[in-house]
C-alpha atoms as a PDB file:
ATOM      1  CA  UNK A   1    -123.825   3.504 -80.941  1.00  0.00           C
ATOM      2  CA  UNK A   2    -120.902   4.498 -78.699  1.00  0.00           C
ATOM      3  CA  UNK A   3    -121.773   5.343 -75.092  1.00  0.00           C
ATOM      4  CA  UNK A   4    -119.667   7.555 -72.789  1.00  0.00           C
ATOM      5  CA  UNK A   5    -117.608   5.854 -70.106  1.00  0.00           C
ATOM      6  CA  UNK A   6    -117.783   8.914 -67.904  1.00  0.00           C
ATOM      7  CA  UNK A   7    -121.307   9.751 -66.700  1.00  0.00           C
ATOM      8  CA  UNK A   8    -121.258  12.695 -64.263  1.00  0.00           C
ATOM      9  CA  UNK A   9    -125.067  12.696 -64.229  1.00  0.00           C
ATOM     10  CA  UNK A  10    -125.051   9.565 -62.072  1.00  0.00           C
ATOM     11  CA  UNK A  11    -124.192  11.725 -59.055  1.00  0.00           C
ATOM     12  CA  UNK A  12    -127.002  14.210 -59.778  1.00  0.00           C
ATOM     13  CA  UNK A  13    -129.863  11.757 -59.650  1.00  0.00           C
ATOM     14  CA  UNK A  14    -131.392  12.744 -56.300  1.00  0.00           C
ATOM     15  CA  UNK A  15    -131.157  15.602 -53.819  1.00  0.00           C
ATOM     16  CA  UNK A  16    -129.713  13.307 -51.160  1.00  0.00           C
ATOM     17  CA  UNK A  17    -126.985  12.147 -53.533  1.00  0.00           C
ATOM     18  CA  UNK A  18    -126.274  15.706 -54.689  1.00  0.00           C
ATOM     19  CA  UNK A  19    -125.992  16.849 -51.092  1.00  0.00           C
ATOM     20  CA  UNK A  20    -123.641  13.993 -50.225  1.00  0.00           C
ATOM     21  CA  UNK A  21    -121.072  14.936 -52.893  1.00  0.00           C
ATOM     22  CA  UNK A  22    -121.544  18.707 -52.715  1.00  0.00           C
ATOM     23  CA  UNK A  23    -118.162  20.429 -52.740  1.00  0.00           C
ATOM     24  CA  UNK A  24    -119.153  23.710 -51.089  1.00  0.00           C
ATOM     25  CA  UNK A  25    -121.211  23.902 -47.919  1.00  0.00           C
ATOM     26  CA  UNK A  26    -122.756  26.949 -46.290  1.00  0.00           C
ATOM     27  CA  UNK A  27    -124.468  27.204 -42.917  1.00  0.00           C
ATOM     28  CA  UNK A  28    -125.939  30.121 -40.943  1.00  0.00           C
ATOM     29  CA  UNK A  29    -122.869  29.947 -38.701  1.00  0.00           C
ATOM     30  CA  UNK A  30    -120.798  31.286 -41.604  1.00  0.00           C
ATOM     31  CA  UNK A  31    -122.924  34.459 -41.799  1.00  0.00           C
ATOM     32  CA  UNK A  32    -122.886  37.873 -40.129  1.00  0.00           C
ATOM     33  CA  UNK A  33    -126.035  40.014 -40.220  1.00  0.00           C
ATOM     34  CA  UNK A  34    -125.744  43.840 -40.401  1.00  0.00           C
ATOM     35  CA  UNK A  35    -127.824  45.914 -37.980  1.00  0.00           C
ATOM     36  CA  UNK A  36    -128.422  49.675 -38.027  1.00  0.00           C
ATOM     37  CA  UNK A  37    -128.724  51.247 -34.577  1.00  0.00           C
ATOM     38  CA  UNK A  38    -130.754  54.463 -34.288  1.00  0.00           C
ATOM     39  CA  UNK A  39    -131.393  56.887 -31.411  1.00  0.00           C
ATOM     40  CA  UNK A  40    -134.610  56.735 -29.402  1.00  0.00           C
ATOM     41  CA  UNK A  41    -136.797  53.969 -28.024  1.00  0.00           C
ATOM     42  CA  UNK A  42    -139.221  51.621 -29.724  1.00  0.00           C
ATOM     43  CA  UNK A  43    -137.826  52.487 -33.148  1.00  0.00           C
ATOM     44  CA  UNK A  44    -138.276  49.849 -35.836  1.00  0.00           C
ATOM     45  CA  UNK A  45    -138.457  51.543 -39.232  1.00  0.00           C
ATOM     46  CA  UNK A  46    -137.976  49.606 -42.458  1.00  0.00           C
ATOM     47  CA  UNK A  47    -135.277  50.919 -44.773  1.00  0.00           C
ATOM     48  CA  UNK A  48    -136.911  51.549 -48.152  1.00  0.00           C
ATOM     49  CA  UNK A  49    -133.950  50.473 -50.275  1.00  0.00           C
ATOM     50  CA  UNK A  50    -133.196  47.423 -48.084  1.00  0.00           C
ATOM     51  CA  UNK A  51    -136.525  45.581 -47.773  1.00  0.00           C
ATOM     52  CA  UNK A  52    -136.631  43.465 -44.622  1.00  0.00           C
ATOM     53  CA  UNK A  53    -133.935  45.535 -42.883  1.00  0.00           C
ATOM     54  CA  UNK A  54    -134.683  48.241 -40.309  1.00  0.00           C
ATOM     55  CA  UNK A  55    -133.413  51.179 -38.346  1.00  0.00           C
ATOM     56  CA  UNK A  56    -133.606  49.897 -34.771  1.00  0.00           C
ATOM     57  CA  UNK A  57    -133.296  51.649 -31.433  1.00  0.00           C
ATOM     58  CA  UNK A  58    -131.138  49.969 -28.804  1.00  0.00           C
ATOM     59  CA  UNK A  59    -134.059  48.137 -27.197  1.00  0.00           C
ATOM     60  CA  UNK A  60    -135.191  46.813 -30.581  1.00  0.00           C
ATOM     61  CA  UNK A  61    -131.645  45.868 -31.587  1.00  0.00           C
ATOM     62  CA  UNK A  62    -131.426  43.625 -28.524  1.00  0.00           C
ATOM     63  CA  UNK A  63    -134.671  41.889 -29.512  1.00  0.00           C
ATOM     64  CA  UNK A  64    -133.485  41.486 -33.088  1.00  0.00           C
ATOM     65  CA  UNK A  65    -130.190  40.036 -31.899  1.00  0.00           C
ATOM     66  CA  UNK A  66    -132.073  37.400 -29.918  1.00  0.00           C
ATOM     67  CA  UNK A  67    -133.897  36.371 -33.114  1.00  0.00           C
ATOM     68  CA  UNK A  68    -130.623  36.259 -35.022  1.00  0.00           C
ATOM     69  CA  UNK A  69    -128.993  34.095 -32.356  1.00  0.00           C
ATOM     70  CA  UNK A  70    -131.910  31.638 -32.296  1.00  0.00           C
ATOM     71  CA  UNK A  71    -131.598  31.250 -36.076  1.00  0.00           C
ATOM     72  CA  UNK A  72    -128.024  30.010 -35.617  1.00  0.00           C
ATOM     73  CA  UNK A  73    -126.431  32.943 -37.441  1.00  0.00           C
ATOM     74  CA  UNK A  74    -122.829  33.436 -36.403  1.00  0.00           C
ATOM     75  CA  UNK A  75    -122.889  37.122 -35.568  1.00  0.00           C
ATOM     76  CA  UNK A  76    -124.071  40.657 -36.165  1.00  0.00           C
ATOM     77  CA  UNK A  77    -122.159  43.759 -37.240  1.00  0.00           C
ATOM     78  CA  UNK A  78    -123.337  47.089 -35.854  1.00  0.00           C
ATOM     79  CA  UNK A  79    -123.576  50.424 -37.663  1.00  0.00           C
ATOM     80  CA  UNK A  80    -124.675  53.537 -35.805  1.00  0.00           C
ATOM     81  CA  UNK A  81    -126.793  56.577 -36.590  1.00  0.00           C
ATOM     82  CA  UNK A  82    -125.846  59.328 -34.103  1.00  0.00           C
ATOM     83  CA  UNK A  83    -128.110  61.929 -32.522  1.00  0.00           C
ATOM     84  CA  UNK A  84    -125.876  64.656 -33.969  1.00  0.00           C
ATOM     85  CA  UNK A  85    -122.891  64.862 -36.310  1.00  0.00           C
ATOM     86  CA  UNK A  86    -119.776  67.002 -36.200  1.00  0.00           C
ATOM     87  CA  UNK A  87    -116.579  67.358 -38.277  1.00  0.00           C
ATOM     88  CA  UNK A  88    -114.667  64.747 -36.244  1.00  0.00           C
ATOM     89  CA  UNK A  89    -117.475  62.222 -35.651  1.00  0.00           C
ATOM     90  CA  UNK A  90    -117.226  62.474 -31.880  1.00  0.00           C
ATOM     91  CA  UNK A  91    -120.359  60.404 -31.178  1.00  0.00           C
ATOM     92  CA  UNK A  92    -118.652  57.472 -32.862  1.00  0.00           C
ATOM     93  CA  UNK A  93    -116.173  57.110 -29.994  1.00  0.00           C
ATOM     94  CA  UNK A  94    -118.384  58.315 -27.135  1.00  0.00           C
ATOM     95  CA  UNK A  95    -118.854  55.713 -24.412  1.00  0.00           C
ATOM     96  CA  UNK A  96    -122.596  56.453 -24.448  1.00  0.00           C
ATOM     97  CA  UNK A  97    -122.929  56.318 -28.239  1.00  0.00           C
ATOM     98  CA  UNK A  98    -125.682  54.243 -29.855  1.00  0.00           C
ATOM     99  CA  UNK A  99    -123.356  51.426 -30.900  1.00  0.00           C
ATOM    100  CA  UNK A 100    -121.722  51.256 -27.483  1.00  0.00           C
ATOM    101  CA  UNK A 101    -125.165  51.046 -25.857  1.00  0.00           C
ATOM    102  CA  UNK A 102    -126.235  48.416 -28.377  1.00  0.00           C
ATOM    103  CA  UNK A 103    -123.199  46.247 -27.638  1.00  0.00           C
ATOM    104  CA  UNK A 104    -124.039  46.226 -23.938  1.00  0.00           C
ATOM    105  CA  UNK A 105    -127.713  45.521 -24.614  1.00  0.00           C
ATOM    106  CA  UNK A 106    -126.980  42.626 -26.961  1.00  0.00           C
ATOM    107  CA  UNK A 107    -124.386  41.111 -24.635  1.00  0.00           C
ATOM    108  CA  UNK A 108    -127.002  41.278 -21.875  1.00  0.00           C
ATOM    109  CA  UNK A 109    -129.439  38.996 -23.725  1.00  0.00           C
ATOM    110  CA  UNK A 110    -127.295  36.913 -26.102  1.00  0.00           C
ATOM    111  CA  UNK A 111    -124.794  34.413 -24.786  1.00  0.00           C
ATOM    112  CA  UNK A 112    -123.251  33.026 -27.965  1.00  0.00           C
ATOM    113  CA  UNK A 113    -123.905  35.583 -30.729  1.00  0.00           C
ATOM    114  CA  UNK A 114    -120.733  37.261 -31.979  1.00  0.00           C
ATOM    115  CA  UNK A 115    -120.919  41.074 -31.786  1.00  0.00           C
ATOM    116  CA  UNK A 116    -118.776  42.760 -34.448  1.00  0.00           C
ATOM    117  CA  UNK A 117    -118.554  46.550 -34.726  1.00  0.00           C
ATOM    118  CA  UNK A 118    -117.836  48.692 -37.756  1.00  0.00           C
ATOM    119  CA  UNK A 119    -115.036  51.153 -36.993  1.00  0.00           C
ATOM    120  CA  UNK A 120    -115.361  54.157 -39.294  1.00  0.00           C
ATOM    121  CA  UNK A 121    -116.220  57.848 -38.976  1.00  0.00           C
ATOM    122  CA  UNK A 122    -118.440  58.277 -42.044  1.00  0.00           C
ATOM    123  CA  UNK A 123    -121.726  57.702 -40.208  1.00  0.00           C
ATOM    124  CA  UNK A 124    -120.819  60.270 -37.553  1.00  0.00           C
ATOM    125  CA  UNK A 125    -119.140  63.131 -39.459  1.00  0.00           C
ATOM    126  CA  UNK A 126    -121.062  66.133 -40.743  1.00  0.00           C
ATOM    127  CA  UNK A 127    -119.167  65.933 -44.051  1.00  0.00           C
ATOM    128  CA  UNK A 128    -119.782  62.184 -44.499  1.00  0.00           C
ATOM    129  CA  UNK A 129    -116.170  61.212 -45.137  1.00  0.00           C
ATOM    130  CA  UNK A 130    -114.340  58.411 -43.346  1.00  0.00           C
ATOM    131  CA  UNK A 131    -111.659  60.611 -41.826  1.00  0.00           C
ATOM    132  CA  UNK A 132    -110.672  64.050 -40.636  1.00  0.00           C
ATOM    133  CA  UNK A 133    -111.057  66.672 -43.369  1.00  0.00           C
ATOM    134  CA  UNK A 134    -108.720  69.651 -43.668  1.00  0.00           C
ATOM    135  CA  UNK A 135    -108.851  72.074 -46.586  1.00  0.00           C
ATOM    136  CA  UNK A 136    -111.148  69.748 -48.467  1.00  0.00           C
ATOM    137  CA  UNK A 137    -108.870  66.702 -48.169  1.00  0.00           C
ATOM    138  CA  UNK A 138    -109.250  63.592 -46.010  1.00  0.00           C
ATOM    139  CA  UNK A 139    -106.218  63.474 -43.725  1.00  0.00           C
ATOM    140  CA  UNK A 140    -104.830  60.021 -43.082  1.00  0.00           C
ATOM    141  CA  UNK A 141    -102.712  60.221 -39.937  1.00  0.00           C
ATOM    142  CA  UNK A 142    -104.954  62.477 -37.791  1.00  0.00           C
ATOM    143  CA  UNK A 143    -107.777  60.018 -38.502  1.00  0.00           C
ATOM    144  CA  UNK A 144    -105.888  57.077 -36.984  1.00  0.00           C
ATOM    145  CA  UNK A 145    -106.150  58.438 -33.442  1.00  0.00           C
ATOM    146  CA  UNK A 146    -109.925  58.821 -33.729  1.00  0.00           C
ATOM    147  CA  UNK A 147    -110.362  55.334 -35.185  1.00  0.00           C
ATOM    148  CA  UNK A 148    -108.295  53.929 -32.332  1.00  0.00           C
ATOM    149  CA  UNK A 149    -110.501  55.752 -29.820  1.00  0.00           C
ATOM    150  CA  UNK A 150    -113.592  54.308 -31.490  1.00  0.00           C
ATOM    151  CA  UNK A 151    -112.218  50.769 -31.445  1.00  0.00           C
ATOM    152  CA  UNK A 152    -111.315  51.158 -27.764  1.00  0.00           C
ATOM    153  CA  UNK A 153    -114.795  52.419 -26.897  1.00  0.00           C
ATOM    154  CA  UNK A 154    -116.274  49.353 -28.621  1.00  0.00           C
ATOM    155  CA  UNK A 155    -113.873  47.069 -26.793  1.00  0.00           C
ATOM    156  CA  UNK A 156    -114.756  48.590 -23.426  1.00  0.00           C
ATOM    157  CA  UNK A 157    -118.459  48.129 -24.209  1.00  0.00           C
ATOM    158  CA  UNK A 158    -117.903  44.420 -24.851  1.00  0.00           C
ATOM    159  CA  UNK A 159    -117.456  43.954 -28.616  1.00  0.00           C
ATOM    160  CA  UNK A 160    -116.119  40.535 -29.618  1.00  0.00           C
ATOM    161  CA  UNK A 161    -114.480  41.808 -32.846  1.00  0.00           C
ATOM    162  CA  UNK A 162    -113.728  45.281 -34.224  1.00  0.00           C
ATOM    163  CA  UNK A 163    -113.807  45.857 -37.976  1.00  0.00           C
ATOM    164  CA  UNK A 164    -112.101  48.988 -39.367  1.00  0.00           C
ATOM    165  CA  UNK A 165    -113.647  49.892 -42.731  1.00  0.00           C
ATOM    166  CA  UNK A 166    -112.207  53.356 -43.396  1.00  0.00           C
ATOM    167  CA  UNK A 167    -109.279  52.381 -45.672  1.00  0.00           C
ATOM    168  CA  UNK A 168    -106.817  54.782 -44.066  1.00  0.00           C
ATOM    169  CA  UNK A 169    -103.209  53.637 -44.376  1.00  0.00           C
ATOM    170  CA  UNK A 170    -101.904  52.137 -41.150  1.00  0.00           C
ATOM    171  CA  UNK A 171    -105.200  52.015 -39.291  1.00  0.00           C
ATOM    172  CA  UNK A 172    -104.976  48.306 -38.415  1.00  0.00           C
ATOM    173  CA  UNK A 173    -101.578  48.830 -36.809  1.00  0.00           C
ATOM    174  CA  UNK A 174    -102.776  51.889 -34.897  1.00  0.00           C
ATOM    175  CA  UNK A 175    -105.865  50.088 -33.611  1.00  0.00           C
ATOM    176  CA  UNK A 176    -103.867  46.979 -32.696  1.00  0.00           C
ATOM    177  CA  UNK A 177    -101.403  49.052 -30.693  1.00  0.00           C
ATOM    178  CA  UNK A 178    -104.198  50.931 -28.922  1.00  0.00           C
ATOM    179  CA  UNK A 179    -106.065  47.740 -28.033  1.00  0.00           C
ATOM    180  CA  UNK A 180    -102.945  45.980 -26.814  1.00  0.00           C
ATOM    181  CA  UNK A 181    -101.898  48.951 -24.679  1.00  0.00           C
ATOM    182  CA  UNK A 182    -105.331  49.078 -23.040  1.00  0.00           C
ATOM    183  CA  UNK A 183    -105.399  45.390 -22.132  1.00  0.00           C
ATOM    184  CA  UNK A 184    -107.435  44.150 -25.116  1.00  0.00           C
ATOM    185  CA  UNK A 185    -104.676  42.107 -26.710  1.00  0.00           C
ATOM    186  CA  UNK A 186    -107.040  39.148 -27.217  1.00  0.00           C
ATOM    187  CA  UNK A 187    -109.617  41.177 -29.192  1.00  0.00           C
ATOM    188  CA  UNK A 188    -109.555  40.230 -32.906  1.00  0.00           C
ATOM    189  CA  UNK A 189    -109.495  42.734 -35.779  1.00  0.00           C
ATOM    190  CA  UNK A 190    -111.513  41.994 -38.903  1.00  0.00           C
ATOM    191  CA  UNK A 191    -109.971  44.362 -41.451  1.00  0.00           C
ATOM    192  CA  UNK A 192    -111.852  45.639 -44.478  1.00  0.00           C
ATOM    193  CA  UNK A 193    -108.590  44.989 -46.310  1.00  0.00           C
ATOM    194  CA  UNK A 194    -109.694  45.276 -49.952  1.00  0.00           C
ATOM    195  CA  UNK A 195    -112.583  47.739 -49.976  1.00  0.00           C
ATOM    196  CA  UNK A 196    -113.370  49.069 -53.409  1.00  0.00           C
ATOM    197  CA  UNK A 197    -114.838  52.456 -54.382  1.00  0.00           C
ATOM    198  CA  UNK A 198    -117.981  50.735 -55.589  1.00  0.00           C
ATOM    199  CA  UNK A 199    -121.326  51.783 -57.045  1.00  0.00           C
ATOM    200  CA  UNK A 200    -122.950  48.959 -55.053  1.00  0.00           C
ATOM    201  CA  UNK A 201    -123.053  50.907 -51.760  1.00  0.00           C
ATOM    202  CA  UNK A 202    -126.028  53.155 -52.516  1.00  0.00           C
ATOM    203  CA  UNK A 203    -128.683  51.549 -50.284  1.00  0.00           C
ATOM    204  CA  UNK A 204    -126.226  51.326 -47.376  1.00  0.00           C
ATOM    205  CA  UNK A 205    -125.491  55.046 -47.589  1.00  0.00           C
ATOM    206  CA  UNK A 206    -129.202  55.696 -47.282  1.00  0.00           C
ATOM    207  CA  UNK A 207    -129.471  53.256 -44.368  1.00  0.00           C
ATOM    208  CA  UNK A 208    -126.472  54.703 -42.516  1.00  0.00           C
ATOM    209  CA  UNK A 209    -126.982  58.304 -43.672  1.00  0.00           C
ATOM    210  CA  UNK A 210    -123.311  58.287 -44.635  1.00  0.00           C
ATOM    211  CA  UNK A 211    -123.091  59.728 -48.153  1.00  0.00           C
ATOM    212  CA  UNK A 212    -120.207  62.218 -48.497  1.00  0.00           C
ATOM    213  CA  UNK A 213    -121.330  65.827 -48.668  1.00  0.00           C
ATOM    214  CA  UNK A 214    -118.681  66.663 -51.252  1.00  0.00           C
ATOM    215  CA  UNK A 215    -116.471  64.699 -53.616  1.00  0.00           C
ATOM    216  CA  UNK A 216    -116.273  60.915 -53.300  1.00  0.00           C
ATOM    217  CA  UNK A 217    -114.177  58.227 -51.640  1.00  0.00           C
ATOM    218  CA  UNK A 218    -111.957  57.229 -54.540  1.00  0.00           C
ATOM    219  CA  UNK A 219    -109.009  58.912 -52.838  1.00  0.00           C
ATOM    220  CA  UNK A 220    -108.946  56.209 -50.168  1.00  0.00           C
ATOM    221  CA  UNK A 221    -111.102  53.298 -51.334  1.00  0.00           C
ATOM    222  CA  UNK A 222    -109.672  51.048 -54.041  1.00  0.00           C
ATOM    223  CA  UNK A 223    -109.950  51.339 -57.808  1.00  0.00           C
ATOM    224  CA  UNK A 224    -112.320  48.563 -59.028  1.00  0.00           C
ATOM    225  CA  UNK A 225    -109.865  47.722 -61.822  1.00  0.00           C
ATOM    226  CA  UNK A 226    -107.089  46.574 -59.472  1.00  0.00           C
ATOM    227  CA  UNK A 227    -106.389  43.060 -58.206  1.00  0.00           C
ATOM    228  CA  UNK A 228    -102.666  43.137 -57.344  1.00  0.00           C
ATOM    229  CA  UNK A 229    -103.306  46.200 -55.182  1.00  0.00           C
ATOM    230  CA  UNK A 230    -105.840  44.189 -53.183  1.00  0.00           C
ATOM    231  CA  UNK A 231    -103.192  41.591 -52.378  1.00  0.00           C
ATOM    232  CA  UNK A 232    -100.853  44.365 -51.256  1.00  0.00           C
ATOM    233  CA  UNK A 233    -103.550  45.838 -49.002  1.00  0.00           C
ATOM    234  CA  UNK A 234    -104.210  42.414 -47.493  1.00  0.00           C
ATOM    235  CA  UNK A 235    -100.507  41.822 -46.894  1.00  0.00           C
ATOM    236  CA  UNK A 236    -100.105  45.188 -45.169  1.00  0.00           C
ATOM    237  CA  UNK A 237    -103.126  44.616 -42.926  1.00  0.00           C
ATOM    238  CA  UNK A 238    -101.863  41.173 -41.944  1.00  0.00           C
ATOM    239  CA  UNK A 239     -98.433  42.605 -41.149  1.00  0.00           C
ATOM    240  CA  UNK A 240    -100.120  45.238 -38.957  1.00  0.00           C
ATOM    241  CA  UNK A 241    -102.070  42.628 -36.999  1.00  0.00           C
ATOM    242  CA  UNK A 242    -105.313  41.821 -38.819  1.00  0.00           C
ATOM    243  CA  UNK A 243    -106.797  38.493 -37.737  1.00  0.00           C
ATOM    244  CA  UNK A 244    -109.397  38.270 -40.527  1.00  0.00           C
ATOM    245  CA  UNK A 245    -109.233  40.068 -43.888  1.00  0.00           C
ATOM    246  CA  UNK A 246    -112.250  41.119 -45.928  1.00  0.00           C
ATOM    247  CA  UNK A 247    -113.072  41.855 -49.554  1.00  0.00           C
ATOM    248  CA  UNK A 248    -115.917  44.289 -50.222  1.00  0.00           C
ATOM    249  CA  UNK A 249    -118.109  44.098 -52.304  1.00  0.00           C
ATOM    250  CA  UNK A 250    -118.414  40.381 -53.008  1.00  0.00           C
ATOM    251  CA  UNK A 251    -120.157  39.529 -56.288  1.00  0.00           C
ATOM    252  CA  UNK A 252    -118.179  41.753 -58.688  1.00  0.00           C
ATOM    253  CA  UNK A 253    -114.969  40.721 -56.910  1.00  0.00           C
ATOM    254  CA  UNK A 254    -115.169  36.936 -56.674  1.00  0.00           C
ATOM    255  CA  UNK A 255    -111.787  36.776 -58.417  1.00  0.00           C
ATOM    256  CA  UNK A 256    -110.327  38.967 -55.679  1.00  0.00           C
ATOM    257  CA  UNK A 257    -111.810  36.750 -52.963  1.00  0.00           C
ATOM    258  CA  UNK A 258    -110.233  33.720 -54.625  1.00  0.00           C
ATOM    259  CA  UNK A 259    -106.851  35.427 -54.977  1.00  0.00           C
ATOM    260  CA  UNK A 260    -106.873  36.573 -51.352  1.00  0.00           C
ATOM    261  CA  UNK A 261    -107.883  33.113 -50.117  1.00  0.00           C
ATOM    262  CA  UNK A 262    -105.054  31.523 -52.081  1.00  0.00           C
ATOM    263  CA  UNK A 263    -102.395  34.021 -51.014  1.00  0.00           C
ATOM    264  CA  UNK A 264    -103.207  34.636 -47.335  1.00  0.00           C
ATOM    265  CA  UNK A 265    -103.130  32.375 -44.313  1.00  0.00           C
ATOM    266  CA  UNK A 266    -105.802  34.453 -42.567  1.00  0.00           C
ATOM    267  CA  UNK A 267    -109.534  33.650 -42.629  1.00  0.00           C
ATOM    268  CA  UNK A 268    -111.255  35.545 -45.436  1.00  0.00           C
ATOM    269  CA  UNK A 269    -114.513  37.454 -45.119  1.00  0.00           C
ATOM    270  CA  UNK A 270    -116.594  38.953 -47.910  1.00  0.00           C
ATOM    271  CA  UNK A 271    -119.353  41.557 -47.726  1.00  0.00           C
ATOM    272  CA  UNK A 272    -122.404  40.801 -49.868  1.00  0.00           C
ATOM    273  CA  UNK A 273    -123.261  44.493 -49.923  1.00  0.00           C
ATOM    274  CA  UNK A 274    -126.475  46.492 -49.985  1.00  0.00           C
ATOM    275  CA  UNK A 275    -126.660  47.010 -53.747  1.00  0.00           C
ATOM    276  CA  UNK A 276    -126.250  43.301 -54.397  1.00  0.00           C
ATOM    277  CA  UNK A 277    -129.043  42.545 -51.922  1.00  0.00           C
ATOM    278  CA  UNK A 278    -131.333  45.316 -53.191  1.00  0.00           C
ATOM    279  CA  UNK A 279    -131.114  44.086 -56.788  1.00  0.00           C
ATOM    280  CA  UNK A 280    -132.313  40.643 -55.736  1.00  0.00           C
ATOM    281  CA  UNK A 281    -135.169  42.091 -53.698  1.00  0.00           C
ATOM    282  CA  UNK A 282    -136.236  44.437 -56.498  1.00  0.00           C
ATOM    283  CA  UNK A 283    -136.234  41.702 -59.135  1.00  0.00           C
ATOM    284  CA  UNK A 284    -138.108  39.359 -56.796  1.00  0.00           C
ATOM    285  CA  UNK A 285    -140.754  42.018 -56.149  1.00  0.00           C
ATOM    286  CA  UNK A 286    -141.311  42.176 -59.910  1.00  0.00           C
ATOM    287  CA  UNK A 287    -141.659  38.411 -60.078  1.00  0.00           C
ATOM    288  CA  UNK A 288    -138.692  38.159 -62.428  1.00  0.00           C
ATOM    289  CA  UNK A 289    -136.626  35.698 -60.369  1.00  0.00           C
ATOM    290  CA  UNK A 290    -136.895  32.909 -57.822  1.00  0.00           C
ATOM    291  CA  UNK A 291    -135.575  34.846 -54.825  1.00  0.00           C
ATOM    292  CA  UNK A 292    -134.765  31.832 -52.667  1.00  0.00           C
ATOM    293  CA  UNK A 293    -132.770  30.035 -55.360  1.00  0.00           C
ATOM    294  CA  UNK A 294    -130.922  33.189 -56.369  1.00  0.00           C
ATOM    295  CA  UNK A 295    -130.031  34.012 -52.758  1.00  0.00           C
ATOM    296  CA  UNK A 296    -128.618  30.526 -52.232  1.00  0.00           C
ATOM    297  CA  UNK A 297    -126.697  30.634 -55.500  1.00  0.00           C
ATOM    298  CA  UNK A 298    -125.173  34.014 -54.680  1.00  0.00           C
ATOM    299  CA  UNK A 299    -124.094  33.055 -51.173  1.00  0.00           C
ATOM    300  CA  UNK A 300    -122.746  29.707 -52.352  1.00  0.00           C
ATOM    301  CA  UNK A 301    -120.719  31.420 -55.085  1.00  0.00           C
ATOM    302  CA  UNK A 302    -119.116  33.728 -52.516  1.00  0.00           C
ATOM    303  CA  UNK A 303    -118.312  30.779 -50.283  1.00  0.00           C
ATOM    304  CA  UNK A 304    -117.002  28.761 -53.240  1.00  0.00           C
ATOM    305  CA  UNK A 305    -114.710  31.623 -54.210  1.00  0.00           C
ATOM    306  CA  UNK A 306    -112.987  31.243 -50.842  1.00  0.00           C
ATOM    307  CA  UNK A 307    -114.868  33.271 -48.217  1.00  0.00           C
ATOM    308  CA  UNK A 308    -114.934  31.687 -44.772  1.00  0.00           C
ATOM    309  CA  UNK A 309    -117.304  34.374 -43.468  1.00  0.00           C
ATOM    310  CA  UNK A 310    -120.019  36.283 -45.364  1.00  0.00           C
ATOM    311  CA  UNK A 311    -121.577  39.523 -44.195  1.00  0.00           C
ATOM    312  CA  UNK A 312    -125.015  39.613 -45.787  1.00  0.00           C
ATOM    313  CA  UNK A 313    -128.473  41.123 -45.444  1.00  0.00           C
ATOM    314  CA  UNK A 314    -129.803  37.751 -46.623  1.00  0.00           C
ATOM    315  CA  UNK A 315    -128.649  36.072 -43.402  1.00  0.00           C
ATOM    316  CA  UNK A 316    -132.054  35.744 -41.713  1.00  0.00           C
ATOM    317  CA  UNK A 317    -133.812  34.611 -44.892  1.00  0.00           C
ATOM    318  CA  UNK A 318    -131.121  32.021 -45.518  1.00  0.00           C
ATOM    319  CA  UNK A 319    -131.163  30.748 -41.931  1.00  0.00           C
ATOM    320  CA  UNK A 320    -134.946  30.357 -41.925  1.00  0.00           C
ATOM    321  CA  UNK A 321    -134.771  28.218 -45.056  1.00  0.00           C
ATOM    322  CA  UNK A 322    -131.546  26.329 -44.299  1.00  0.00           C
END
């Protein structure tokens, strides 16, 4: 009988040996945990479609951030639910808005946790779109001024990183110019560079109360069929001053993450979005999967594809079991 000369199984014999030769590593420090900030006090209400995640008032967000920091997770990203909405999303760039208050509260109790803020109007506008609407159309250029005001309000409150997610053309450049002019030249921008018009956002839109009241977002978010366009979007954002570029969603776009990582010299982030998380939780609740193993496999696949940073609702679960 002829035996093989090459025996890859030799390096799979024990967990210690497998860990020693593992090609892709993932730690809690690579993760960012999303938090949803709500008005009021003492609010901690679980989000039905995102089991384990909550609407949190500012006081509760600060407590949650302390837990996140102790788990060794790299950072949080903040999304806000305003007291009231209007056509231009004015609470999004108010200095006393819920996100601005949450930044200050978190910075008051956490010394090392990175505070990232989502910069977009959709959570704050009465029509639910990510920009100014005129005659039923989302207007690109008038939106840039409001996004810049929002980013500045986050910077003044103490954000470590601002993350524009609106997909308006030129918004990274506008925000960079506004930050630099106001003395925040050292503040990094994490750009949602390749954000697709995806069906995986459903639970988030419930959590952030940000579903559009008419039409959809395909006029400004990317067509899921396009890869070369993603590379163009990344290039433009880098040219405008993006320090980190992101692909969203993650799992259906692992090829995009890989292509961006290979073509850009910027760190790459990926958003393991709400629908991806909710599917795991739903299947686990039915007893159909091993939730822990699937979570690890998903996050490792995103990291293996080339993501340096992963935004994920799994962050706390992963950190507790790391």
